[in-house]
Amino acid sequence: MEAFSRAPESASLFFEDELDKAADFPELVKKPIFSREGANISVVKGADTTLLSDGPYGQEGFIYQALHPLPKFGKNHTLVGSWLVDDLAAGMSIREDSNLITQDMSRYLPHIIL
């Protein structure tokens, strides 16, 4: 795994067998290793699950990430996504939802960068 060493931005990411390193983070987001569009996401505070989305994923295990709540504008949480192709900006999107966990039915606006 050294070919994919952790960047500083991913320092708050933990596999299930590394949860002892997550003690400094009061809330974690539990995500399936393989999933899409907000399926099977949980927000965990201690032993309690405070928010949960359903879906068919998770058999392959989970990762945990420190919770960094999405910015909220009015009543909506907003997520900006970006795509790079050959290290160049190729696209971006804005996904917005009243729920903290954005999903496939959230409002979505894609944009291509030419």
PDB file of N, CA and C in Angstrom:
ATOM      1  N   MET A   1       0.824  -1.194   0.000  1.00  0.00           N
ATOM      2  CA  MET A   1       0.000   0.000   0.000  1.00  0.00           C
ATOM      3  C   MET A   1       0.867   1.256   0.000  1.00  0.00           C
ATOM      4  N   GLU A   2       2.181   1.137   0.044  1.00  0.00           N
ATOM      5  CA  GLU A   2       3.031   2.322   0.069  1.00  0.00           C
ATOM      6  C   GLU A   2       2.944   3.122  -1.218  1.00  0.00           C
ATOM      7  N   ALA A   3       2.580   2.499  -2.323  1.00  0.00           N
ATOM      8  CA  ALA A   3       2.427   3.242  -3.569  1.00  0.00           C
ATOM      9  C   ALA A   3       1.311   4.268  -3.454  1.00  0.00           C
ATOM     10  N   PHE A   4       0.413   4.054  -2.519  1.00  0.00           N
ATOM     11  CA  PHE A   4      -0.706   4.962  -2.309  1.00  0.00           C
ATOM     12  C   PHE A   4      -0.655   5.528  -0.896  1.00  0.00           C
ATOM     13  N   SER A   5       0.496   6.067  -0.517  1.00  0.00           N
ATOM     14  CA  SER A   5       0.624   6.602   0.836  1.00  0.00           C
ATOM     15  C   SER A   5      -0.386   7.721   1.051  1.00  0.00           C
ATOM     16  N   ARG A   6      -0.759   7.922   2.281  1.00  0.00           N
ATOM     17  CA  ARG A   6      -1.803   8.888   2.618  1.00  0.00           C
ATOM     18  C   ARG A   6      -1.318  10.325   2.484  1.00  0.00           C
ATOM     19  N   ALA A   7      -2.099  11.105   1.800  1.00  0.00           N
ATOM     20  CA  ALA A   7      -1.847  12.541   1.713  1.00  0.00           C
ATOM     21  C   ALA A   7      -2.334  13.183   3.003  1.00  0.00           C
ATOM     22  N   PRO A   8      -1.832  14.370   3.356  1.00  0.00           N
ATOM     23  CA  PRO A   8      -2.293  15.033   4.588  1.00  0.00           C
ATOM     24  C   PRO A   8      -3.809  15.200   4.633  1.00  0.00           C
ATOM     25  N   GLU A   9      -4.429  15.397   3.467  1.00  0.00           N
ATOM     26  CA  GLU A   9      -5.874  15.583   3.424  1.00  0.00           C
ATOM     27  C   GLU A   9      -6.640  14.329   3.839  1.00  0.00           C
ATOM     28  N   SER A  10      -6.023  13.165   3.731  1.00  0.00           N
ATOM     29  CA  SER A  10      -6.706  11.924   4.083  1.00  0.00           C
ATOM     30  C   SER A  10      -6.283  11.407   5.456  1.00  0.00           C
ATOM     31  N   ALA A  11      -5.651  12.244   6.253  1.00  0.00           N
ATOM     32  CA  ALA A  11      -5.148  11.810   7.555  1.00  0.00           C
ATOM     33  C   ALA A  11      -6.262  11.370   8.492  1.00  0.00           C
ATOM     34  N   SER A  12      -7.488  11.813   8.248  1.00  0.00           N
ATOM     35  CA  SER A  12      -8.591  11.439   9.133  1.00  0.00           C
ATOM     36  C   SER A  12      -9.410  10.290   8.559  1.00  0.00           C
ATOM     37  N   LEU A  13      -8.777   9.413   7.799  1.00  0.00           N
ATOM     38  CA  LEU A  13      -9.432   8.260   7.196  1.00  0.00           C
ATOM     39  C   LEU A  13      -8.887   6.992   7.834  1.00  0.00           C
ATOM     40  N   PHE A  14      -9.791   6.090   8.249  1.00  0.00           N
ATOM     41  CA  PHE A  14      -9.377   4.896   8.981  1.00  0.00           C
ATOM     42  C   PHE A  14     -10.099   3.667   8.456  1.00  0.00           C
ATOM     43  N   PHE A  15      -9.380   2.557   8.354  1.00  0.00           N
ATOM     44  CA  PHE A  15     -10.019   1.277   8.101  1.00  0.00           C
ATOM     45  C   PHE A  15     -10.583   0.762   9.420  1.00  0.00           C
ATOM     46  N   GLU A  16     -11.446  -0.249   9.337  1.00  0.00           N
ATOM     47  CA  GLU A  16     -12.102  -0.754  10.553  1.00  0.00           C
ATOM     48  C   GLU A  16     -11.098  -1.217  11.602  1.00  0.00           C
ATOM     49  N   ASP A  17      -9.975  -1.803  11.174  1.00  0.00           N
ATOM     50  CA  ASP A  17      -8.991  -2.290  12.147  1.00  0.00           C
ATOM     51  C   ASP A  17      -8.087  -1.175  12.686  1.00  0.00           C
ATOM     52  N   GLU A  18      -8.330   0.087  12.298  1.00  0.00           N
ATOM     53  CA  GLU A  18      -7.543   1.228  12.773  1.00  0.00           C
ATOM     54  C   GLU A  18      -8.370   2.189  13.622  1.00  0.00           C
ATOM     55  N   LEU A  19      -9.549   1.788  14.045  1.00  0.00           N
ATOM     56  CA  LEU A  19     -10.440   2.707  14.754  1.00  0.00           C
ATOM     57  C   LEU A  19      -9.855   3.227  16.063  1.00  0.00           C
ATOM     58  N   ASP A  20      -8.885   2.523  16.642  1.00  0.00           N
ATOM     59  CA  ASP A  20      -8.245   3.033  17.854  1.00  0.00           C
ATOM     60  C   ASP A  20      -7.533   4.362  17.585  1.00  0.00           C
ATOM     61  N   LYS A  21      -7.140   4.617  16.341  1.00  0.00           N
ATOM     62  CA  LYS A  21      -6.486   5.880  15.969  1.00  0.00           C
ATOM     63  C   LYS A  21      -7.483   7.022  15.794  1.00  0.00           C
ATOM     64  N   ALA A  22      -8.770   6.720  15.823  1.00  0.00           N
ATOM     65  CA  ALA A  22      -9.807   7.725  15.584  1.00  0.00           C
ATOM     66  C   ALA A  22     -10.351   8.330  16.872  1.00  0.00           C
ATOM     67  N   ALA A  23      -9.722   8.054  17.990  1.00  0.00           N
ATOM     68  CA  ALA A  23     -10.248   8.495  19.288  1.00  0.00           C
ATOM     69  C   ALA A  23     -10.357  10.012  19.414  1.00  0.00           C
ATOM     70  N   ASP A  24      -9.561  10.760  18.672  1.00  0.00           N
ATOM     71  CA  ASP A  24      -9.598  12.227  18.764  1.00  0.00           C
ATOM     72  C   ASP A  24     -10.770  12.852  18.015  1.00  0.00           C
ATOM     73  N   PHE A  25     -11.517  12.049  17.280  1.00  0.00           N
ATOM     74  CA  PHE A  25     -12.606  12.576  16.465  1.00  0.00           C
ATOM     75  C   PHE A  25     -13.948  12.202  17.092  1.00  0.00           C
ATOM     76  N   PRO A  26     -14.734  13.190  17.529  1.00  0.00           N
ATOM     77  CA  PRO A  26     -15.993  12.895  18.222  1.00  0.00           C
ATOM     78  C   PRO A  26     -17.055  12.264  17.326  1.00  0.00           C
ATOM     79  N   GLU A  27     -17.038  12.591  16.029  1.00  0.00           N
ATOM     80  CA  GLU A  27     -18.012  12.011  15.108  1.00  0.00           C
ATOM     81  C   GLU A  27     -17.294  11.494  13.870  1.00  0.00           C
ATOM     82  N   LEU A  28     -17.712  10.319  13.425  1.00  0.00           N
ATOM     83  CA  LEU A  28     -17.134   9.692  12.244  1.00  0.00           C
ATOM     84  C   LEU A  28     -18.229   9.395  11.228  1.00  0.00           C
ATOM     85  N   VAL A  29     -17.829   9.333   9.974  1.00  0.00           N
ATOM     86  CA  VAL A  29     -18.720   8.892   8.914  1.00  0.00           C
ATOM     87  C   VAL A  29     -18.253   7.503   8.504  1.00  0.00           C
ATOM     88  N   LYS A  30     -19.161   6.536   8.557  1.00  0.00           N
ATOM     89  CA  LYS A  30     -18.869   5.155   8.180  1.00  0.00           C
ATOM     90  C   LYS A  30     -19.357   4.959   6.747  1.00  0.00           C
ATOM     91  N   LYS A  31     -18.418   4.566   5.853  1.00  0.00           N
ATOM     92  CA  LYS A  31     -18.734   4.428   4.432  1.00  0.00           C
ATOM     93  C   LYS A  31     -18.323   3.047   3.944  1.00  0.00           C
ATOM     94  N   PRO A  32     -19.131   2.421   3.091  1.00  0.00           N
ATOM     95  CA  PRO A  32     -18.686   1.167   2.486  1.00  0.00           C
ATOM     96  C   PRO A  32     -17.454   1.414   1.614  1.00  0.00           C
ATOM     97  N   ILE A  33     -16.574   0.434   1.537  1.00  0.00           N
ATOM     98  CA  ILE A  33     -15.407   0.561   0.669  1.00  0.00           C
ATOM     99  C   ILE A  33     -15.858   0.727  -0.776  1.00  0.00           C
ATOM    100  N   PHE A  34     -16.919   0.041  -1.162  1.00  0.00           N
ATOM    101  CA  PHE A  34     -17.495   0.202  -2.491  1.00  0.00           C
ATOM    102  C   PHE A  34     -18.952   0.609  -2.328  1.00  0.00           C
ATOM    103  N   SER A  35     -19.311   1.758  -2.867  1.00  0.00           N
ATOM    104  CA  SER A  35     -20.718   2.185  -2.885  1.00  0.00           C
ATOM    105  C   SER A  35     -20.839   3.351  -3.841  1.00  0.00           C
ATOM    106  N   ARG A  36     -22.030   3.896  -3.937  1.00  0.00           N
ATOM    107  CA  ARG A  36     -22.223   5.050  -4.804  1.00  0.00           C
ATOM    108  C   ARG A  36     -23.344   5.929  -4.293  1.00  0.00           C
ATOM    109  N   GLU A  37     -23.187   7.212  -4.536  1.00  0.00           N
ATOM    110  CA  GLU A  37     -24.203   8.231  -4.317  1.00  0.00           C
ATOM    111  C   GLU A  37     -24.874   8.171  -2.949  1.00  0.00           C
ATOM    112  N   GLY A  38     -24.078   8.091  -1.904  1.00  0.00           N
ATOM    113  CA  GLY A  38     -24.596   8.192  -0.546  1.00  0.00           C
ATOM    114  C   GLY A  38     -25.243   6.953   0.026  1.00  0.00           C
ATOM    115  N   ALA A  39     -25.137   5.811  -0.646  1.00  0.00           N
ATOM    116  CA  ALA A  39     -25.760   4.580  -0.146  1.00  0.00           C
ATOM    117  C   ALA A  39     -24.960   4.012   1.023  1.00  0.00           C
ATOM    118  N   ASN A  40     -25.667   3.529   2.029  1.00  0.00           N
ATOM    119  CA  ASN A  40     -25.085   2.844   3.187  1.00  0.00           C
ATOM    120  C   ASN A  40     -24.084   3.696   3.966  1.00  0.00           C
ATOM    121  N   ILE A  41     -24.358   4.980   4.096  1.00  0.00           N
ATOM    122  CA  ILE A  41     -23.518   5.897   4.865  1.00  0.00           C
ATOM    123  C   ILE A  41     -24.117   6.050   6.257  1.00  0.00           C
ATOM    124  N   SER A  42     -23.276   6.058   7.281  1.00  0.00           N
ATOM    125  CA  SER A  42     -23.717   6.282   8.659  1.00  0.00           C
ATOM    126  C   SER A  42     -22.873   7.380   9.290  1.00  0.00           C
ATOM    127  N   VAL A  43     -23.500   8.211  10.103  1.00  0.00           N
ATOM    128  CA  VAL A  43     -22.772   9.153  10.946  1.00  0.00           C
ATOM    129  C   VAL A  43     -22.789   8.555  12.344  1.00  0.00           C
ATOM    130  N   VAL A  44     -21.600   8.362  12.917  1.00  0.00           N
ATOM    131  CA  VAL A  44     -21.444   7.647  14.181  1.00  0.00           C
ATOM    132  C   VAL A  44     -20.834   8.586  15.218  1.00  0.00           C
ATOM    133  N   LYS A  45     -21.460   8.641  16.386  1.00  0.00           N
ATOM    134  CA  LYS A  45     -20.938   9.423  17.514  1.00  0.00           C
ATOM    135  C   LYS A  45     -20.810   8.459  18.687  1.00  0.00           C
ATOM    136  N   GLY A  46     -19.572   8.093  19.008  1.00  0.00           N
ATOM    137  CA  GLY A  46     -19.355   7.081  20.040  1.00  0.00           C
ATOM    138  C   GLY A  46     -19.933   5.751  19.574  1.00  0.00           C
ATOM    139  N   ALA A  47     -20.798   5.166  20.390  1.00  0.00           N
ATOM    140  CA  ALA A  47     -21.435   3.901  20.034  1.00  0.00           C
ATOM    141  C   ALA A  47     -22.777   4.104  19.340  1.00  0.00           C
ATOM    142  N   ASP A  48     -23.188   5.364  19.141  1.00  0.00           N
ATOM    143  CA  ASP A  48     -24.506   5.657  18.573  1.00  0.00           C
ATOM    144  C   ASP A  48     -24.414   6.044  17.102  1.00  0.00           C
ATOM    145  N   THR A  49     -25.348   5.531  16.315  1.00  0.00           N
ATOM    146  CA  THR A  49     -25.506   5.958  14.928  1.00  0.00           C
ATOM    147  C   THR A  49     -26.529   7.075  14.926  1.00  0.00           C
ATOM    148  N   THR A  50     -26.116   8.279  14.498  1.00  0.00           N
ATOM    149  CA  THR A  50     -27.008   9.437  14.553  1.00  0.00           C
ATOM    150  C   THR A  50     -27.704   9.713  13.229  1.00  0.00           C
ATOM    151  N   LEU A  51     -27.191   9.160  12.134  1.00  0.00           N
ATOM    152  CA  LEU A  51     -27.787   9.347  10.815  1.00  0.00           C
ATOM    153  C   LEU A  51     -27.416   8.142   9.973  1.00  0.00           C
ATOM    154  N   LEU A  52     -28.348   7.671   9.145  1.00  0.00           N
ATOM    155  CA  LEU A  52     -28.122   6.438   8.395  1.00  0.00           C
ATOM    156  C   LEU A  52     -28.843   6.508   7.062  1.00  0.00           C
ATOM    157  N   SER A  53     -28.167   6.091   5.988  1.00  0.00           N
ATOM    158  CA  SER A  53     -28.826   5.924   4.691  1.00  0.00           C
ATOM    159  C   SER A  53     -28.788   4.443   4.330  1.00  0.00           C
ATOM    160  N   ASP A  54     -29.841   3.978   3.688  1.00  0.00           N
ATOM    161  CA  ASP A  54     -29.894   2.554   3.352  1.00  0.00           C
ATOM    162  C   ASP A  54     -29.284   2.310   1.979  1.00  0.00           C
ATOM    163  N   GLY A  55     -29.192   1.044   1.620  1.00  0.00           N
ATOM    164  CA  GLY A  55     -28.639   0.665   0.329  1.00  0.00           C
ATOM    165  C   GLY A  55     -28.091  -0.747   0.356  1.00  0.00           C
ATOM    166  N   PRO A  56     -27.614  -1.229  -0.801  1.00  0.00           N
ATOM    167  CA  PRO A  56     -27.189  -2.627  -0.922  1.00  0.00           C
ATOM    168  C   PRO A  56     -25.694  -2.868  -0.703  1.00  0.00           C
ATOM    169  N   TYR A  57     -24.938  -1.887  -0.232  1.00  0.00           N
ATOM    170  CA  TYR A  57     -23.479  -2.019  -0.175  1.00  0.00           C
ATOM    171  C   TYR A  57     -22.980  -2.294   1.242  1.00  0.00           C
ATOM    172  N   GLY A  58     -21.725  -2.730   1.344  1.00  0.00           N
ATOM    173  CA  GLY A  58     -21.086  -2.907   2.634  1.00  0.00           C
ATOM    174  C   GLY A  58     -20.500  -4.283   2.870  1.00  0.00           C
ATOM    175  N   GLN A  59     -20.801  -5.247   2.001  1.00  0.00           N
ATOM    176  CA  GLN A  59     -20.286  -6.605   2.210  1.00  0.00           C
ATOM    177  C   GLN A  59     -18.760  -6.646   2.196  1.00  0.00           C
ATOM    178  N   GLU A  60     -18.129  -5.723   1.486  1.00  0.00           N
ATOM    179  CA  GLU A  60     -16.669  -5.717   1.362  1.00  0.00           C
ATOM    180  C   GLU A  60     -15.972  -4.984   2.491  1.00  0.00           C
ATOM    181  N   GLY A  61     -16.732  -4.459   3.440  1.00  0.00           N
ATOM    182  CA  GLY A  61     -16.153  -3.759   4.577  1.00  0.00           C
ATOM    183  C   GLY A  61     -16.396  -2.262   4.512  1.00  0.00           C
ATOM    184  N   PHE A  62     -15.872  -1.552   5.509  1.00  0.00           N
ATOM    185  CA  PHE A  62     -16.140  -0.123   5.647  1.00  0.00           C
ATOM    186  C   PHE A  62     -14.857   0.645   5.940  1.00  0.00           C
ATOM    187  N   ILE A  63     -14.893   1.924   5.645  1.00  0.00           N
ATOM    188  CA  ILE A  63     -13.872   2.861   6.082  1.00  0.00           C
ATOM    189  C   ILE A  63     -14.567   3.912   6.940  1.00  0.00           C
ATOM    190  N   TYR A  64     -13.789   4.593   7.761  1.00  0.00           N
ATOM    191  CA  TYR A  64     -14.316   5.636   8.643  1.00  0.00           C
ATOM    192  C   TYR A  64     -13.544   6.923   8.376  1.00  0.00           C
ATOM    193  N   GLN A  65     -14.261   8.018   8.380  1.00  0.00           N
ATOM    194  CA  GLN A  65     -13.651   9.317   8.123  1.00  0.00           C
ATOM    195  C   GLN A  65     -14.178  10.303   9.148  1.00  0.00           C
ATOM    196  N   ALA A  66     -13.316  11.201   9.621  1.00  0.00           N
ATOM    197  CA  ALA A  66     -13.774  12.242  10.540  1.00  0.00           C
ATOM    198  C   ALA A  66     -14.872  13.050   9.859  1.00  0.00           C
ATOM    199  N   LEU A  67     -15.921  13.358  10.604  1.00  0.00           N
ATOM    200  CA  LEU A  67     -17.037  14.125  10.052  1.00  0.00           C
ATOM    201  C   LEU A  67     -16.614  15.567   9.805  1.00  0.00           C
ATOM    202  N   HIS A  68     -16.782  16.009   8.595  1.00  0.00           N
ATOM    203  CA  HIS A  68     -16.606  17.406   8.202  1.00  0.00           C
ATOM    204  C   HIS A  68     -17.931  17.804   7.565  1.00  0.00           C
ATOM    205  N   PRO A  69     -18.866  18.360   8.349  1.00  0.00           N
ATOM    206  CA  PRO A  69     -20.205  18.634   7.814  1.00  0.00           C
ATOM    207  C   PRO A  69     -20.155  19.508   6.562  1.00  0.00           C
ATOM    208  N   LEU A  70     -21.044  19.203   5.636  1.00  0.00           N
ATOM    209  CA  LEU A  70     -21.146  19.993   4.412  1.00  0.00           C
ATOM    210  C   LEU A  70     -21.618  21.399   4.739  1.00  0.00           C
ATOM    211  N   PRO A  71     -21.205  22.382   3.949  1.00  0.00           N
ATOM    212  CA  PRO A  71     -21.731  23.735   4.171  1.00  0.00           C
ATOM    213  C   PRO A  71     -23.234  23.752   3.937  1.00  0.00           C
ATOM    214  N   LYS A  72     -23.913  24.584   4.687  1.00  0.00           N
ATOM    215  CA  LYS A  72     -25.370  24.655   4.595  1.00  0.00           C
ATOM    216  C   LYS A  72     -25.767  26.056   4.146  1.00  0.00           C
ATOM    217  N   PHE A  73     -26.561  26.117   3.094  1.00  0.00           N
ATOM    218  CA  PHE A  73     -27.079  27.369   2.561  1.00  0.00           C
ATOM    219  C   PHE A  73     -28.591  27.308   2.674  1.00  0.00           C
ATOM    220  N   GLY A  74     -29.150  28.144   3.524  1.00  0.00           N
ATOM    221  CA  GLY A  74     -30.579  28.030   3.808  1.00  0.00           C
ATOM    222  C   GLY A  74     -30.821  26.710   4.512  1.00  0.00           C
ATOM    223  N   LYS A  75     -31.664  25.872   3.937  1.00  0.00           N
ATOM    224  CA  LYS A  75     -31.967  24.557   4.517  1.00  0.00           C
ATOM    225  C   LYS A  75     -31.248  23.424   3.794  1.00  0.00           C
ATOM    226  N   ASN A  76     -30.298  23.752   2.923  1.00  0.00           N
ATOM    227  CA  ASN A  76     -29.683  22.736   2.068  1.00  0.00           C
ATOM    228  C   ASN A  76     -28.196  22.560   2.329  1.00  0.00           C
ATOM    229  N   HIS A  77     -27.773  21.297   2.372  1.00  0.00           N
ATOM    230  CA  HIS A  77     -26.362  20.928   2.461  1.00  0.00           C
ATOM    231  C   HIS A  77     -25.838  20.820   1.033  1.00  0.00           C
ATOM    232  N   THR A  78     -24.631  21.354   0.794  1.00  0.00           N
ATOM    233  CA  THR A  78     -24.107  21.437  -0.571  1.00  0.00           C
ATOM    234  C   THR A  78     -22.760  20.736  -0.679  1.00  0.00           C
ATOM    235  N   LEU A  79     -22.628  19.904  -1.713  1.00  0.00           N
ATOM    236  CA  LEU A  79     -21.403  19.159  -1.979  1.00  0.00           C
ATOM    237  C   LEU A  79     -20.910  19.523  -3.375  1.00  0.00           C
ATOM    238  N   VAL A  80     -19.650  19.934  -3.487  1.00  0.00           N
ATOM    239  CA  VAL A  80     -19.052  20.224  -4.787  1.00  0.00           C
ATOM    240  C   VAL A  80     -18.137  19.062  -5.143  1.00  0.00           C
ATOM    241  N   GLY A  81     -18.343  18.485  -6.315  1.00  0.00           N
ATOM    242  CA  GLY A  81     -17.501  17.403  -6.804  1.00  0.00           C
ATOM    243  C   GLY A  81     -16.652  17.895  -7.958  1.00  0.00           C
ATOM    244  N   SER A  82     -15.502  17.270  -8.171  1.00  0.00           N
ATOM    245  CA  SER A  82     -14.652  17.679  -9.286  1.00  0.00           C
ATOM    246  C   SER A  82     -14.001  16.457  -9.921  1.00  0.00           C
ATOM    247  N   TRP A  83     -13.680  16.580 -11.189  1.00  0.00           N
ATOM    248  CA  TRP A  83     -13.032  15.516 -11.934  1.00  0.00           C
ATOM    249  C   TRP A  83     -11.788  16.058 -12.607  1.00  0.00           C
ATOM    250  N   LEU A  84     -10.725  15.273 -12.567  1.00  0.00           N
ATOM    251  CA  LEU A  84      -9.476  15.600 -13.248  1.00  0.00           C
ATOM    252  C   LEU A  84      -9.197  14.527 -14.287  1.00  0.00           C
ATOM    253  N   VAL A  85      -8.721  14.931 -15.462  1.00  0.00           N
ATOM    254  CA  VAL A  85      -8.278  14.012 -16.504  1.00  0.00           C
ATOM    255  C   VAL A  85      -6.872  14.439 -16.887  1.00  0.00           C
ATOM    256  N   ASP A  86      -5.910  13.540 -16.739  1.00  0.00           N
ATOM    257  CA  ASP A  86      -4.500  13.872 -16.993  1.00  0.00           C
ATOM    258  C   ASP A  86      -4.073  15.122 -16.231  1.00  0.00           C
ATOM    259  N   ASP A  87      -4.448  15.195 -14.962  1.00  0.00           N
ATOM    260  CA  ASP A  87      -4.104  16.308 -14.070  1.00  0.00           C
ATOM    261  C   ASP A  87      -4.703  17.655 -14.480  1.00  0.00           C
ATOM    262  N   LEU A  88      -5.713  17.647 -15.325  1.00  0.00           N
ATOM    263  CA  LEU A  88      -6.379  18.881 -15.739  1.00  0.00           C
ATOM    264  C   LEU A  88      -7.843  18.841 -15.328  1.00  0.00           C
ATOM    265  N   ALA A  89      -8.366  19.994 -14.933  1.00  0.00           N
ATOM    266  CA  ALA A  89      -9.783  20.077 -14.572  1.00  0.00           C
ATOM    267  C   ALA A  89     -10.633  19.699 -15.778  1.00  0.00           C
ATOM    268  N   ALA A  90     -11.572  18.761 -15.594  1.00  0.00           N
ATOM    269  CA  ALA A  90     -12.427  18.308 -16.689  1.00  0.00           C
ATOM    270  C   ALA A  90     -13.905  18.526 -16.396  1.00  0.00           C
ATOM    271  N   GLY A  91     -14.264  18.603 -15.138  1.00  0.00           N
ATOM    272  CA  GLY A  91     -15.669  18.795 -14.809  1.00  0.00           C
ATOM    273  C   GLY A  91     -15.860  19.055 -13.336  1.00  0.00           C
ATOM    274  N   MET A  92     -17.043  19.527 -13.020  1.00  0.00           N
ATOM    275  CA  MET A  92     -17.420  19.740 -11.624  1.00  0.00           C
ATOM    276  C   MET A  92     -18.924  19.555 -11.510  1.00  0.00           C
ATOM    277  N   SER A  93     -19.380  19.366 -10.288  1.00  0.00           N
ATOM    278  CA  SER A  93     -20.816  19.237 -10.058  1.00  0.00           C
ATOM    279  C   SER A  93     -21.161  19.845  -8.710  1.00  0.00           C
ATOM    280  N   ILE A  94     -22.417  20.190  -8.578  1.00  0.00           N
ATOM    281  CA  ILE A  94     -22.951  20.636  -7.298  1.00  0.00           C
ATOM    282  C   ILE A  94     -24.123  19.727  -6.980  1.00  0.00           C
ATOM    283  N   ARG A  95     -24.069  19.100  -5.816  1.00  0.00           N
ATOM    284  CA  ARG A  95     -25.154  18.235  -5.345  1.00  0.00           C
ATOM    285  C   ARG A  95     -25.673  18.859  -4.057  1.00  0.00           C
ATOM    286  N   GLU A  96     -26.995  18.967  -3.934  1.00  0.00           N
ATOM    287  CA  GLU A  96     -27.592  19.681  -2.805  1.00  0.00           C
ATOM    288  C   GLU A  96     -28.790  18.899  -2.284  1.00  0.00           C
ATOM    289  N   ASP A  97     -28.921  18.867  -0.952  1.00  0.00           N
ATOM    290  CA  ASP A  97     -30.020  18.132  -0.336  1.00  0.00           C
ATOM    291  C   ASP A  97     -30.321  18.719   1.038  1.00  0.00           C
ATOM    292  N   SER A  98     -31.549  18.554   1.488  1.00  0.00           N
ATOM    293  CA  SER A  98     -31.896  18.981   2.847  1.00  0.00           C
ATOM    294  C   SER A  98     -31.305  18.034   3.881  1.00  0.00           C
ATOM    295  N   ASN A  99     -30.939  16.812   3.478  1.00  0.00           N
ATOM    296  CA  ASN A  99     -30.319  15.821   4.344  1.00  0.00           C
ATOM    297  C   ASN A  99     -28.800  15.994   4.281  1.00  0.00           C
ATOM    298  N   LEU A 100     -28.110  15.767   5.379  1.00  0.00           N
ATOM    299  CA  LEU A 100     -26.649  15.859   5.409  1.00  0.00           C
ATOM    300  C   LEU A 100     -26.002  14.852   4.460  1.00  0.00           C
ATOM    301  N   ILE A 101     -26.610  13.680   4.293  1.00  0.00           N
ATOM    302  CA  ILE A 101     -26.087  12.668   3.377  1.00  0.00           C
ATOM    303  C   ILE A 101     -26.750  12.878   2.017  1.00  0.00           C
ATOM    304  N   THR A 102     -25.973  13.373   1.044  1.00  0.00           N
ATOM    305  CA  THR A 102     -26.530  13.552  -0.297  1.00  0.00           C
ATOM    306  C   THR A 102     -26.597  12.193  -0.987  1.00  0.00           C
ATOM    307  N   GLN A 103     -27.635  12.005  -1.807  1.00  0.00           N
ATOM    308  CA  GLN A 103     -27.849  10.710  -2.451  1.00  0.00           C
ATOM    309  C   GLN A 103     -28.210  10.881  -3.921  1.00  0.00           C
ATOM    310  N   ASP A 104     -28.596   9.772  -4.552  1.00  0.00           N
ATOM    311  CA  ASP A 104     -28.885   9.791  -5.981  1.00  0.00           C
ATOM    312  C   ASP A 104     -30.108  10.630  -6.349  1.00  0.00           C
ATOM    313  N   MET A 105     -30.995  10.910  -5.425  1.00  0.00           N
ATOM    314  CA  MET A 105     -32.168  11.731  -5.714  1.00  0.00           C
ATOM    315  C   MET A 105     -31.981  13.187  -5.269  1.00  0.00           C
ATOM    316  N   SER A 106     -30.792  13.543  -4.832  1.00  0.00           N
ATOM    317  CA  SER A 106     -30.493  14.934  -4.472  1.00  0.00           C
ATOM    318  C   SER A 106     -30.477  15.788  -5.742  1.00  0.00           C
ATOM    319  N   ARG A 107     -30.701  17.077  -5.570  1.00  0.00           N
ATOM    320  CA  ARG A 107     -30.585  17.982  -6.710  1.00  0.00           C
ATOM    321  C   ARG A 107     -29.136  17.961  -7.184  1.00  0.00           C
ATOM    322  N   TYR A 108     -28.942  17.931  -8.502  1.00  0.00           N
ATOM    323  CA  TYR A 108     -27.606  17.723  -9.065  1.00  0.00           C
ATOM    324  C   TYR A 108     -27.422  18.592 -10.302  1.00  0.00           C
ATOM    325  N   LEU A 109     -26.308  19.304 -10.363  1.00  0.00           N
ATOM    326  CA  LEU A 109     -25.999  20.155 -11.508  1.00  0.00           C
ATOM    327  C   LEU A 109     -24.569  19.872 -11.969  1.00  0.00           C
ATOM    328  N   PRO A 110     -24.403  19.175 -13.113  1.00  0.00           N
ATOM    329  CA  PRO A 110     -23.054  18.915 -13.633  1.00  0.00           C
ATOM    330  C   PRO A 110     -22.578  20.062 -14.520  1.00  0.00           C
ATOM    331  N   HIS A 111     -21.265  20.162 -14.682  1.00  0.00           N
ATOM    332  CA  HIS A 111     -20.684  21.201 -15.533  1.00  0.00           C
ATOM    333  C   HIS A 111     -19.404  20.649 -16.143  1.00  0.00           C
ATOM    334  N   ILE A 112     -19.277  20.760 -17.459  1.00  0.00           N
ATOM    335  CA  ILE A 112     -18.058  20.315 -18.136  1.00  0.00           C
ATOM    336  C   ILE A 112     -17.097  21.495 -18.266  1.00  0.00           C
ATOM    337  N   ILE A 113     -15.817  21.220 -18.131  1.00  0.00           N
ATOM    338  CA  ILE A 113     -14.787  22.242 -18.304  1.00  0.00           C
ATOM    339  C   ILE A 113     -14.000  21.870 -19.558  1.00  0.00           C
ATOM    340  N   LEU A 114     -14.090  22.709 -20.566  1.00  0.00           N
ATOM    341  CA  LEU A 114     -13.409  22.426 -21.841  1.00  0.00           C
ATOM    342  C   LEU A 114     -12.122  23.209 -21.959  1.00  0.00           C
TER     343      LEU A 114
END
